[in-house]
Amino acid sequence: MRTVIVDGQPDDLEKVKNILTDMEMELEIVGTASDGRAGYKLIAEERPDLVIIDVHLPGMNGLTMLKKLRSEQIRAKVLILTGNQDFSEARQAIALGVDQYLLKPVKKNQVRHAVAQIAEKLAQEQAMEETFTVENIFAACLNGRNGKKWQLRYMMKERFGFTLDDPGAVMTVWLGSGYTQYRENVRTILESAGRTQRMSVCVLEIDIWRTLAAVVYRVTEDEREYQFAAEHIVPLLSRSVSGAVVCMWKALPHLNEMLDGVRTLRNLCEWNLGFDRGKLIRPEDIEKLEPVPLHYPVELEERLRKVVAVSDGEEIKRCFYRLYDLFRREEHAPGEIKECLIRFSMAALDAYKARNVVESEVKIQNSMQMIAEAVSWEQVRSAMEIFLGQISQDAFADSGDEELSPLVRSAIQLVRKYYDQGITLEETADRLFVSEEYLSTQFKKETGKGFAETVRGLRIERIKGLLVNTHLKLNQIAELTGYADPKYMSRVFKEAVGMLPTEYRKASH
């Protein structure tokens, strides 16, 4: 505890100094002074934890000096010493927030006891200082302890300049299975955006929901924070996270309603299926939707049954892409979309079971459960990968594959099966338990094309088909063909075809 002693009586100053020196505690005397002006300057420079002041000082009265220090926000603990028993003097000292008040001549035990009490009080306040943070306050709100007591409001206003009664907002970022991988990166983006835009942001991690919640406080009335988040933060998050990411925003009339706000956004999260990736969704955006009933595509189901029966993997995929196109042409309730997709998948399973035995019923059930709980199209795609893996074991074989070695034959079939998900040489080599270099060499040697060239060619053909046969937007086509960025997809397509996707679609109709 850093301490300054100011006393106009040299004997009294030395006495107090000796008492403090003999105390068995962490106490450092950083300076002494014998008049008010010198004492004021010393305290202002050193900013000690404890100040021991004699009231009657030459140059500047002790209480006058203390009043000046308090006006400059110097909040040191204060022990007043005085030889005057006038109560009005004591009353002034109390008004200035004095911690202890002793009459001269002071006794050793009195000083020791008073200083020990101040040290204990200081330790308690420092402990509270470490725990009384914006993050801990909002974490308590998230746990249902919203702290409506007037003491908390006073302390928050005094220290942070706002209270839980003030308006605010909460932005949730759901990451799904990529939560562990991307949460630190997402936290950094949210906190950095807050600093660069002078936004007051506190980021909390909700592990059980695989979500980060950014609480925005000290908000402006013109929704500047929402606009910045929608136009800058969310696009940056979408580029930085290759997997599922769902961003939602809710204005809060009062910050202590944060828990209800996060719950509301979580319950509305599945409506993300009706928005494009990279959209910052608000409850009012969902309220503006006008979903229409989803009519089940009976004819497309019949087509699916036929191609499953003959194990035509590429046509099976086309049927599911056409279903996706149907989902995105109009606004539909997410529950209807998932119910339709599950029914469609079960029709494919029935057709497959008529001629084959399913390898794992558990995987089928898990994939359907994943669809039922899905809040993003990335989740749906993952579920469909598992499902199609069970009903199309040999659906991606070709008659020309017989001429290939078992290794390259397996590799080319994996490429046909997963090219629209951005499969890489590394992933394929891992699945086949060989090195990338060896697989690359053998693949090029036996097929006449490089691995990346083959994947790119299949993706280009898939893009062509989607441009001609669906009404999907470019960002939706990019999602279905394994491209995280539709602009990059357009550039690759132009390099291969000689025109942009929009030009190709126009020329084909």
Protein backbone atom coordinates (compact mmCIF):
# COMPACT_ATOMS: atom_id res chain seq x y z
CA MET A 1 0.00 0.00 0.00
CA ARG A 2 1.74 3.17 -1.23
CA THR A 3 1.46 5.89 1.42
CA VAL A 4 2.10 9.66 1.73
CA ILE A 5 2.28 11.47 5.12
CA VAL A 6 1.61 15.23 5.33
CA ASP A 7 2.01 16.80 8.77
CA GLY A 8 3.14 20.28 9.78
CA GLN A 9 4.62 19.03 13.06
CA PRO A 10 8.00 17.32 12.43
CA ASP A 11 7.77 15.22 15.62
CA ASP A 12 4.27 13.99 14.78
CA LEU A 13 5.30 13.22 11.19
CA GLU A 14 8.30 11.19 12.36
CA LYS A 15 6.20 9.37 14.94
CA VAL A 16 3.61 8.26 12.38
CA LYS A 17 6.36 7.28 9.95
CA ASN A 18 8.01 5.04 12.57
CA ILE A 19 4.69 3.41 13.45
CA LEU A 20 4.05 2.56 9.82
CA THR A 21 7.59 1.29 9.29
CA ASP A 22 7.20 -1.16 12.18
CA MET A 23 3.90 -2.58 10.89
CA GLU A 24 4.06 -6.11 9.50
CA MET A 25 2.28 -5.45 6.22
CA GLU A 26 3.07 -4.53 2.63
CA LEU A 27 3.29 -0.76 3.08
CA GLU A 28 5.62 1.65 1.29
CA ILE A 29 6.04 5.30 2.31
CA VAL A 30 6.56 7.01 -1.06
CA GLY A 31 6.92 10.54 0.35
CA THR A 32 6.33 13.01 3.18
CA ALA A 33 5.58 16.73 3.29
CA SER A 34 5.29 19.34 6.03
CA ASP A 35 2.99 21.89 4.38
CA GLY A 36 -0.25 21.79 2.39
CA ARG A 37 1.04 22.99 -0.97
CA ALA A 38 3.99 20.58 -1.01
CA GLY A 39 1.68 17.80 0.17
CA TYR A 40 -0.83 18.51 -2.61
CA LYS A 41 1.90 18.42 -5.27
CA LEU A 42 3.37 15.19 -3.87
CA ILE A 43 -0.01 13.42 -3.77
CA ALA A 44 -0.96 14.60 -7.25
CA GLU A 45 2.31 13.22 -8.64
CA GLU A 46 2.52 9.94 -6.71
CA ARG A 47 -1.19 8.99 -6.68
CA PRO A 48 -0.76 6.91 -3.48
CA ASP A 49 -3.22 4.37 -2.08
CA LEU A 50 -3.27 6.02 1.38
CA VAL A 51 -2.81 9.63 2.48
CA ILE A 52 -2.32 10.55 6.17
CA ILE A 53 -3.05 14.27 6.56
CA ASP A 54 -2.85 16.71 9.44
CA VAL A 55 -5.80 19.14 9.22
CA HIS A 56 -3.85 22.20 10.32
CA LEU A 57 -1.08 22.64 7.76
CA PRO A 58 0.88 25.75 6.76
CA GLY A 59 0.38 26.92 3.17
CA MET A 60 -2.90 25.07 2.62
CA ASN A 61 -5.39 23.68 5.12
CA GLY A 62 -5.57 19.87 5.10
CA LEU A 63 -9.30 19.79 4.35
CA THR A 64 -8.89 22.39 1.59
CA MET A 65 -6.14 20.28 0.07
CA LEU A 66 -8.31 17.17 0.29
CA LYS A 67 -11.24 18.95 -1.36
CA LYS A 68 -8.97 20.00 -4.24
CA LEU A 69 -7.68 16.43 -4.65
CA ARG A 70 -11.20 15.02 -4.69
CA SER A 71 -12.23 17.53 -7.39
CA GLU A 72 -9.40 16.15 -9.52
CA GLN A 73 -10.68 12.56 -9.10
CA ILE A 74 -7.80 11.48 -6.85
CA ARG A 75 -9.53 8.77 -4.80
CA ALA A 76 -6.81 7.79 -2.31
CA LYS A 77 -7.86 6.48 1.10
CA VAL A 78 -7.50 9.18 3.76
CA LEU A 79 -6.60 9.10 7.46
CA ILE A 80 -7.11 12.52 9.08
CA LEU A 81 -5.09 13.64 12.11
CA THR A 82 -6.15 16.68 14.12
CA GLY A 83 -5.70 18.24 17.54
CA ASN A 84 -9.02 20.04 17.30
CA GLN A 85 -12.13 18.40 18.76
CA ASP A 86 -14.51 20.73 16.88
CA PHE A 87 -17.27 18.54 15.39
CA SER A 88 -17.76 20.86 12.38
CA GLU A 89 -14.26 19.95 11.27
CA ALA A 90 -15.06 16.26 11.56
CA ARG A 91 -18.28 16.79 9.61
CA GLN A 92 -16.34 18.38 6.72
CA ALA A 93 -13.90 15.49 6.74
CA ILE A 94 -16.73 12.94 6.55
CA ALA A 95 -18.30 14.84 3.64
CA LEU A 96 -15.01 14.54 1.75
CA GLY A 97 -14.97 10.77 2.10
CA VAL A 98 -12.37 10.40 4.85
CA ASP A 99 -11.83 6.79 5.89
CA GLN A 100 -10.47 7.29 9.42
CA TYR A 101 -10.33 10.27 11.82
CA LEU A 102 -7.89 10.34 14.78
CA LEU A 103 -7.28 12.96 17.45
CA LYS A 104 -3.75 14.02 18.38
CA PRO A 105 -1.69 13.06 20.14
CA VAL A 106 -2.10 9.76 18.29
CA LYS A 107 -1.34 6.45 19.94
CA LYS A 108 0.54 3.65 18.29
CA ASN A 109 -2.28 1.10 18.54
CA GLN A 110 -4.82 3.60 17.18
CA VAL A 111 -2.72 4.29 14.10
CA ARG A 112 -1.98 0.62 13.52
CA HIS A 113 -5.66 -0.30 13.86
CA ALA A 114 -6.84 2.52 11.56
CA VAL A 115 -4.27 1.73 8.86
CA ALA A 116 -5.05 -2.00 9.03
CA GLN A 117 -8.77 -1.29 8.54
CA ILE A 118 -8.03 0.93 5.55
CA ALA A 119 -5.74 -1.75 4.06
CA GLU A 120 -8.51 -4.37 4.42
CA LYS A 121 -11.05 -2.04 2.81
CA LEU A 122 -8.66 -1.29 -0.03
CA ALA A 123 -8.05 -5.00 -0.63
CA GLN A 124 -11.79 -5.64 -0.79
CA GLU A 125 -12.29 -2.81 -3.27
CA GLN A 126 -9.42 -4.05 -5.44
CA ALA A 127 -10.93 -7.53 -5.45
CA MET A 128 -14.26 -6.05 -6.51
CA GLU A 129 -12.46 -3.95 -9.13
CA GLU A 130 -11.14 -7.13 -10.71
CA THR A 131 -14.56 -8.79 -10.82
CA PHE A 132 -16.76 -5.74 -11.43
CA THR A 133 -16.26 -5.62 -15.19
CA VAL A 134 -18.61 -5.03 -18.09
CA GLU A 135 -18.09 -8.62 -19.24
CA ASN A 136 -18.96 -10.07 -15.82
CA ILE A 137 -22.04 -7.88 -15.54
CA PHE A 138 -23.35 -9.00 -18.93
CA ALA A 139 -22.40 -12.61 -18.19
CA ALA A 140 -24.54 -12.37 -15.05
CA CYS A 141 -27.42 -11.04 -17.16
CA LEU A 142 -26.99 -13.98 -19.52
CA ASN A 143 -27.26 -16.31 -16.56
CA GLY A 144 -30.51 -14.70 -15.45
CA ARG A 145 -29.03 -12.45 -12.75
CA ASN A 146 -29.83 -9.06 -14.22
CA GLY A 147 -29.06 -7.03 -11.12
CA LYS A 148 -31.86 -4.48 -10.75
CA LYS A 149 -30.62 -3.23 -7.38
CA TRP A 150 -30.03 0.49 -7.15
CA GLN A 151 -26.52 -0.07 -5.84
CA LEU A 152 -25.53 -1.84 -9.06
CA ARG A 153 -27.04 0.93 -11.17
CA TYR A 154 -25.14 3.54 -9.19
CA MET A 155 -21.84 1.67 -9.40
CA MET A 156 -22.20 1.05 -13.16
CA LYS A 157 -23.07 4.67 -13.85
CA GLU A 158 -20.19 5.86 -11.70
CA ARG A 159 -17.61 3.57 -13.24
CA PHE A 160 -18.77 2.81 -16.80
CA GLY A 161 -21.11 5.65 -17.65
CA PHE A 162 -24.16 3.50 -18.38
CA THR A 163 -26.58 1.17 -16.59
CA LEU A 164 -28.57 -1.94 -17.43
CA ASP A 165 -31.65 0.25 -17.74
CA ASP A 166 -30.16 1.91 -20.83
CA PRO A 167 -31.07 0.75 -24.36
CA GLY A 168 -28.70 -1.49 -26.29
CA ALA A 169 -28.58 -4.34 -28.79
CA VAL A 170 -27.33 -7.90 -29.07
CA MET A 171 -25.80 -9.56 -32.12
CA THR A 172 -25.51 -13.35 -32.11
CA VAL A 173 -23.14 -15.30 -34.34
CA TRP A 174 -24.03 -19.00 -34.58
CA LEU A 175 -21.19 -21.18 -35.89
CA GLY A 176 -22.59 -24.71 -35.63
CA SER A 177 -19.98 -27.45 -35.93
CA GLY A 178 -17.31 -24.83 -36.68
CA TYR A 179 -17.71 -23.17 -33.28
CA THR A 180 -14.50 -24.52 -31.75
CA GLN A 181 -12.50 -23.80 -34.90
CA TYR A 182 -13.69 -20.26 -35.57
CA ARG A 183 -14.84 -18.73 -32.28
CA GLU A 184 -11.52 -17.04 -31.46
CA ASN A 185 -11.33 -15.54 -34.95
CA VAL A 186 -14.94 -14.35 -34.73
CA ARG A 187 -14.35 -12.86 -31.26
CA THR A 188 -11.33 -10.96 -32.60
CA ILE A 189 -13.33 -9.57 -35.53
CA LEU A 190 -16.19 -8.43 -33.28
CA GLU A 191 -13.91 -6.81 -30.70
CA SER A 192 -11.69 -5.18 -33.35
CA ALA A 193 -14.72 -3.74 -35.12
CA GLY A 194 -15.89 -2.28 -31.84
CA ARG A 195 -12.54 -0.57 -31.23
CA THR A 196 -12.09 0.82 -34.74
CA GLN A 197 -15.65 2.18 -34.91
CA ARG A 198 -15.73 3.36 -31.29
CA MET A 199 -18.60 1.00 -30.63
CA SER A 200 -19.05 -0.27 -27.09
CA VAL A 201 -19.04 -4.05 -27.58
CA CYS A 202 -18.76 -6.89 -25.08
CA VAL A 203 -18.40 -10.39 -26.56
CA LEU A 204 -19.64 -13.44 -24.64
CA GLU A 205 -19.27 -17.10 -25.60
CA ILE A 206 -22.30 -19.37 -25.23
CA ASP A 207 -20.71 -22.78 -25.68
CA ILE A 208 -23.88 -24.81 -25.22
CA TRP A 209 -25.53 -22.99 -28.15
CA ARG A 210 -22.30 -22.77 -30.20
CA THR A 211 -22.89 -19.05 -30.38
CA LEU A 212 -21.07 -15.80 -29.65
CA ALA A 213 -23.17 -12.91 -28.38
CA ALA A 214 -21.90 -9.37 -28.94
CA VAL A 215 -23.66 -6.99 -26.55
CA VAL A 216 -23.68 -3.44 -27.90
CA TYR A 217 -24.13 -0.73 -25.27
CA ARG A 218 -24.12 3.07 -25.37
CA VAL A 219 -26.02 2.78 -28.68
CA THR A 220 -26.94 5.80 -30.80
CA GLU A 221 -30.47 6.64 -31.85
CA ASP A 222 -29.69 6.51 -35.60
CA GLU A 223 -28.86 2.75 -35.55
CA ARG A 224 -25.33 3.48 -36.72
CA GLU A 225 -24.14 0.32 -34.97
CA TYR A 226 -26.61 -1.93 -36.80
CA GLN A 227 -25.74 -0.41 -40.16
CA PHE A 228 -22.03 -0.92 -39.60
CA ALA A 229 -22.55 -4.49 -38.46
CA ALA A 230 -24.74 -5.30 -41.48
CA GLU A 231 -22.50 -3.63 -44.06
CA HIS A 232 -19.04 -4.45 -42.72
CA ILE A 233 -18.85 -6.94 -39.85
CA VAL A 234 -21.16 -9.65 -41.24
CA PRO A 235 -19.58 -9.71 -44.74
CA LEU A 236 -16.17 -10.00 -43.08
CA LEU A 237 -17.39 -12.88 -40.90
CA SER A 238 -18.88 -14.62 -43.95
CA ARG A 239 -15.54 -14.43 -45.75
CA SER A 240 -13.57 -15.55 -42.68
CA VAL A 241 -15.74 -18.58 -41.80
CA SER A 242 -15.87 -21.26 -44.46
CA GLY A 243 -18.60 -23.26 -42.74
CA ALA A 244 -21.99 -22.32 -41.36
CA VAL A 245 -22.43 -18.84 -39.90
CA VAL A 246 -25.74 -17.25 -38.94
CA CYS A 247 -25.74 -13.61 -37.81
CA MET A 248 -28.75 -12.08 -36.06
CA TRP A 249 -29.46 -8.73 -34.41
CA LYS A 250 -32.02 -7.54 -31.88
CA ALA A 251 -32.48 -4.07 -30.42
CA LEU A 252 -32.96 -4.08 -26.64
CA PRO A 253 -35.13 -1.42 -24.93
CA HIS A 254 -33.10 -2.17 -21.80
CA LEU A 255 -29.77 -4.01 -21.54
CA ASN A 256 -31.07 -6.14 -18.69
CA GLU A 257 -33.34 -7.83 -21.28
CA MET A 258 -30.31 -9.36 -22.96
CA LEU A 259 -31.15 -12.96 -21.98
CA ASP A 260 -34.64 -12.71 -23.47
CA GLY A 261 -33.11 -11.14 -26.57
CA VAL A 262 -30.62 -13.97 -27.07
CA ARG A 263 -33.35 -16.57 -26.51
CA THR A 264 -35.58 -14.85 -29.08
CA LEU A 265 -32.82 -14.89 -31.68
CA ARG A 266 -32.04 -18.53 -30.97
CA ASN A 267 -35.69 -19.50 -31.45
CA LEU A 268 -35.81 -17.59 -34.74
CA CYS A 269 -32.48 -18.93 -35.99
CA GLU A 270 -33.98 -21.54 -38.35
CA TRP A 271 -35.53 -18.71 -40.41
CA ASN A 272 -32.00 -18.20 -41.69
CA LEU A 273 -32.95 -20.86 -44.28
CA GLY A 274 -35.01 -18.14 -45.98
CA PHE A 275 -32.14 -15.66 -46.24
CA ASP A 276 -28.90 -15.59 -48.20
CA ARG A 277 -25.61 -16.24 -46.46
CA GLY A 278 -24.12 -13.00 -45.15
CA LYS A 279 -27.41 -11.37 -44.12
CA LEU A 280 -27.75 -9.81 -40.67
CA ILE A 281 -31.23 -10.96 -39.68
CA ARG A 282 -33.53 -9.08 -37.31
CA PRO A 283 -36.88 -10.22 -35.90
CA GLU A 284 -38.53 -7.43 -37.87
CA ASP A 285 -36.99 -8.82 -41.09
CA ILE A 286 -38.63 -12.17 -40.37
CA GLU A 287 -41.96 -10.48 -39.59
CA LYS A 288 -41.90 -8.87 -43.04
CA LEU A 289 -41.67 -12.26 -44.76
CA GLU A 290 -44.82 -13.56 -46.41
CA PRO A 291 -44.26 -17.32 -46.58
CA VAL A 292 -46.47 -19.28 -48.94
CA PRO A 293 -47.47 -22.95 -48.56
CA LEU A 294 -44.90 -25.35 -49.95
CA HIS A 295 -46.45 -27.81 -52.41
CA TYR A 296 -44.71 -31.18 -52.37
CA PRO A 297 -43.08 -31.99 -55.77
CA VAL A 298 -44.69 -35.36 -56.55
CA GLU A 299 -43.31 -35.53 -60.11
CA LEU A 300 -39.79 -34.78 -58.94
CA GLU A 301 -40.10 -37.53 -56.34
CA GLU A 302 -41.04 -40.02 -59.06
CA ARG A 303 -37.98 -38.95 -61.03
CA LEU A 304 -35.83 -39.42 -57.91
CA ARG A 305 -37.14 -42.95 -57.32
CA LYS A 306 -36.23 -43.95 -60.87
CA VAL A 307 -32.67 -42.63 -60.80
CA VAL A 308 -32.05 -44.16 -57.36
CA ALA A 309 -33.25 -47.52 -58.70
CA VAL A 310 -30.61 -47.41 -61.46
CA SER A 311 -27.92 -45.92 -59.18
CA ASP A 312 -27.38 -42.78 -61.27
CA GLY A 313 -25.46 -40.63 -58.79
CA GLU A 314 -25.33 -37.48 -60.91
CA GLU A 315 -29.07 -37.55 -61.56
CA ILE A 316 -29.75 -38.16 -57.87
CA LYS A 317 -27.86 -34.96 -57.14
CA ARG A 318 -29.77 -33.09 -59.85
CA CYS A 319 -33.07 -34.08 -58.23
CA PHE A 320 -31.97 -32.66 -54.89
CA TYR A 321 -30.68 -29.48 -56.57
CA ARG A 322 -34.06 -29.00 -58.26
CA LEU A 323 -35.72 -29.41 -54.88
CA TYR A 324 -33.40 -26.75 -53.48
CA ASP A 325 -34.34 -24.48 -56.38
CA LEU A 326 -38.01 -25.00 -55.47
CA PHE A 327 -37.30 -24.00 -51.88
CA ARG A 328 -35.59 -20.74 -52.89
CA ARG A 329 -38.04 -19.52 -55.53
CA GLU A 330 -40.51 -18.27 -52.94
CA GLU A 331 -40.59 -17.66 -49.21
CA HIS A 332 -41.51 -20.76 -47.21
CA ALA A 333 -41.63 -21.51 -43.50
CA PRO A 334 -38.45 -23.35 -42.42
CA GLY A 335 -40.50 -26.14 -40.82
CA GLU A 336 -42.19 -26.87 -44.16
CA ILE A 337 -38.86 -26.85 -45.98
CA LYS A 338 -37.35 -29.40 -43.60
CA GLU A 339 -40.46 -31.57 -43.60
CA CYS A 340 -40.44 -31.64 -47.41
CA LEU A 341 -36.73 -32.48 -47.55
CA ILE A 342 -37.11 -35.34 -45.08
CA ARG A 343 -40.08 -36.76 -46.99
CA PHE A 344 -38.14 -36.48 -50.27
CA SER A 345 -35.14 -38.25 -48.74
CA MET A 346 -37.30 -41.03 -47.35
CA ALA A 347 -38.71 -41.60 -50.86
CA ALA A 348 -35.14 -42.05 -52.12
CA LEU A 349 -34.44 -44.44 -49.25
CA ASP A 350 -37.51 -46.56 -50.09
CA ALA A 351 -36.37 -46.83 -53.70
CA TYR A 352 -32.89 -47.84 -52.62
CA LYS A 353 -34.13 -50.45 -50.13
CA ALA A 354 -36.17 -52.16 -52.84
CA ARG A 355 -32.90 -53.44 -54.36
CA ASN A 356 -30.22 -52.95 -51.71
CA VAL A 357 -29.44 -53.25 -48.02
CA VAL A 358 -28.68 -50.03 -46.17
CA GLU A 359 -25.25 -50.14 -44.60
CA SER A 360 -26.17 -48.07 -41.51
CA GLU A 361 -29.72 -47.25 -40.42
CA VAL A 362 -28.24 -45.21 -37.57
CA LYS A 363 -26.49 -42.86 -40.02
CA ILE A 364 -29.76 -42.46 -41.93
CA GLN A 365 -31.60 -41.53 -38.71
CA ASN A 366 -28.83 -39.13 -37.69
CA SER A 367 -28.91 -37.36 -41.04
CA MET A 368 -32.67 -36.89 -40.83
CA GLN A 369 -32.32 -35.54 -37.28
CA MET A 370 -29.69 -33.11 -38.53
CA ILE A 371 -32.12 -31.83 -41.16
CA ALA A 372 -34.89 -31.45 -38.57
CA GLU A 373 -32.59 -29.31 -36.40
CA ALA A 374 -30.89 -27.42 -39.24
CA VAL A 375 -30.65 -23.63 -39.18
CA SER A 376 -28.32 -23.26 -42.17
CA TRP A 377 -27.96 -24.76 -45.63
CA GLU A 378 -24.44 -25.87 -44.71
CA GLN A 379 -26.01 -28.13 -42.07
CA VAL A 380 -28.47 -29.46 -44.62
CA ARG A 381 -25.64 -30.19 -47.05
CA SER A 382 -23.70 -32.06 -44.35
CA ALA A 383 -26.77 -34.13 -43.54
CA MET A 384 -27.36 -34.89 -47.21
CA GLU A 385 -23.72 -35.96 -47.64
CA ILE A 386 -24.24 -38.57 -44.92
CA PHE A 387 -27.58 -39.65 -46.38
CA LEU A 388 -26.44 -39.89 -49.99
CA GLY A 389 -23.38 -41.79 -48.83
CA GLN A 390 -25.73 -44.54 -47.63
CA ILE A 391 -27.97 -44.79 -50.71
CA SER A 392 -25.41 -44.26 -53.47
CA GLN A 393 -22.56 -46.58 -52.66
CA ASP A 394 -21.84 -47.39 -56.32
CA ALA A 395 -23.80 -44.56 -57.92
CA PHE A 396 -20.73 -42.64 -59.06
CA ALA A 397 -19.00 -45.46 -60.90
CA ASP A 398 -18.47 -45.28 -64.68
CA SER A 399 -17.88 -48.00 -67.22
CA GLY A 400 -14.47 -46.53 -68.03
CA ASP A 401 -13.40 -46.87 -64.40
CA GLU A 402 -12.62 -50.54 -64.90
CA GLU A 403 -9.46 -49.60 -66.78
CA LEU A 404 -8.15 -47.63 -63.81
CA SER A 405 -6.17 -48.93 -60.86
CA PRO A 406 -8.21 -49.49 -57.65
CA LEU A 407 -6.61 -46.39 -56.10
CA VAL A 408 -7.40 -43.98 -58.95
CA ARG A 409 -10.82 -45.60 -59.48
CA SER A 410 -11.70 -44.84 -55.83
CA ALA A 411 -10.30 -41.32 -56.16
CA ILE A 412 -12.29 -40.44 -59.29
CA GLN A 413 -15.49 -41.76 -57.74
CA LEU A 414 -14.89 -39.64 -54.63
CA VAL A 415 -14.35 -36.62 -56.88
CA ARG A 416 -17.65 -37.25 -58.71
CA LYS A 417 -19.40 -37.66 -55.40
CA TYR A 418 -18.00 -34.63 -53.57
CA TYR A 419 -16.70 -32.18 -56.19
CA ASP A 420 -19.57 -29.77 -55.46
CA GLN A 421 -18.41 -29.57 -51.86
CA GLY A 422 -14.93 -28.41 -52.76
CA ILE A 423 -13.13 -31.70 -52.14
CA THR A 424 -9.33 -31.33 -52.16
CA LEU A 425 -6.44 -33.57 -53.06
CA GLU A 426 -5.41 -33.62 -49.39
CA GLU A 427 -8.86 -34.81 -48.25
CA THR A 428 -8.98 -37.49 -50.94
CA ALA A 429 -5.48 -38.74 -50.14
CA ASP A 430 -6.41 -38.93 -46.44
CA ARG A 431 -9.49 -41.01 -47.22
CA LEU A 432 -7.44 -43.40 -49.36
CA PHE A 433 -4.48 -43.55 -46.93
CA VAL A 434 -1.83 -42.44 -49.43
CA SER A 435 0.36 -39.37 -49.79
CA GLU A 436 -0.83 -36.36 -51.79
CA GLU A 437 2.21 -36.56 -54.07
CA TYR A 438 1.64 -40.22 -54.94
CA LEU A 439 -2.09 -39.80 -55.56
CA SER A 440 -1.51 -36.70 -57.70
CA THR A 441 1.06 -38.49 -59.85
CA GLN A 442 -1.05 -41.62 -60.37
CA PHE A 443 -4.23 -39.62 -60.99
CA LYS A 444 -2.63 -37.56 -63.76
CA LYS A 445 -0.90 -40.60 -65.22
CA GLU A 446 -4.09 -42.69 -65.53
CA THR A 447 -6.77 -40.05 -66.29
CA GLY A 448 -4.68 -37.63 -68.32
CA LYS A 449 -5.86 -34.72 -66.16
CA GLY A 450 -4.68 -33.23 -62.91
CA PHE A 451 -6.79 -33.62 -59.77
CA ALA A 452 -7.64 -29.91 -59.45
CA GLU A 453 -8.41 -29.69 -63.18
CA THR A 454 -10.86 -32.59 -62.89
CA VAL A 455 -12.65 -31.07 -59.90
CA ARG A 456 -12.84 -27.68 -61.59
CA GLY A 457 -14.25 -29.20 -64.78
CA LEU A 458 -17.03 -31.00 -62.92
CA ARG A 459 -17.88 -27.88 -60.95
CA ILE A 460 -18.07 -25.78 -64.11
CA GLU A 461 -20.49 -28.29 -65.66
CA ARG A 462 -22.59 -28.25 -62.50
CA ILE A 463 -22.68 -24.43 -62.56
CA LYS A 464 -23.83 -24.52 -66.19
CA GLY A 465 -26.63 -26.89 -65.30
CA LEU A 466 -27.79 -24.76 -62.39
CA LEU A 467 -27.66 -21.59 -64.48
CA VAL A 468 -29.81 -23.13 -67.20
CA ASN A 469 -32.22 -25.30 -65.21
CA THR A 470 -32.84 -23.28 -62.03
CA HIS A 471 -33.65 -19.75 -60.94
CA LEU A 472 -31.00 -19.74 -58.21
CA LYS A 473 -28.95 -16.62 -57.61
CA LEU A 474 -25.19 -16.70 -58.04
CA ASN A 475 -24.44 -16.79 -54.32
CA GLN A 476 -26.80 -19.76 -53.96
CA ILE A 477 -25.14 -21.55 -56.88
CA ALA A 478 -21.76 -20.86 -55.29
CA GLU A 479 -22.95 -22.56 -52.09
CA LEU A 480 -24.06 -25.62 -54.04
CA THR A 481 -20.81 -25.98 -55.95
CA GLY A 482 -18.32 -25.54 -53.13
CA TYR A 483 -17.35 -21.88 -53.59
CA ALA A 484 -17.33 -19.66 -50.50
CA ASP A 485 -17.21 -16.49 -52.61
CA PRO A 486 -19.59 -16.02 -55.61
CA LYS A 487 -17.20 -13.43 -57.11
CA TYR A 488 -14.40 -15.96 -57.16
CA MET A 489 -16.75 -18.54 -58.69
CA SER A 490 -17.64 -16.06 -61.46
CA ARG A 491 -13.96 -15.41 -62.17
CA VAL A 492 -13.16 -19.13 -62.40
CA PHE A 493 -16.20 -19.68 -64.62
CA LYS A 494 -15.21 -16.90 -67.02
CA GLU A 495 -11.66 -18.24 -67.28
CA ALA A 496 -13.04 -21.65 -68.24
CA VAL A 497 -16.05 -20.70 -70.39
CA GLY A 498 -15.14 -17.28 -71.73
CA MET A 499 -18.12 -15.44 -70.26
CA LEU A 500 -19.55 -14.59 -66.89
CA PRO A 501 -22.26 -16.82 -65.35
CA THR A 502 -24.90 -14.11 -65.86
CA GLU A 503 -23.94 -13.86 -69.53
CA TYR A 504 -24.07 -17.65 -69.92
CA ARG A 505 -27.54 -17.81 -68.34
CA LYS A 506 -28.81 -15.05 -70.62
CA ALA A 507 -27.35 -16.69 -73.71
CA SER A 508 -28.89 -20.07 -72.81
CA HIS A 509 -32.48 -18.80 -72.55
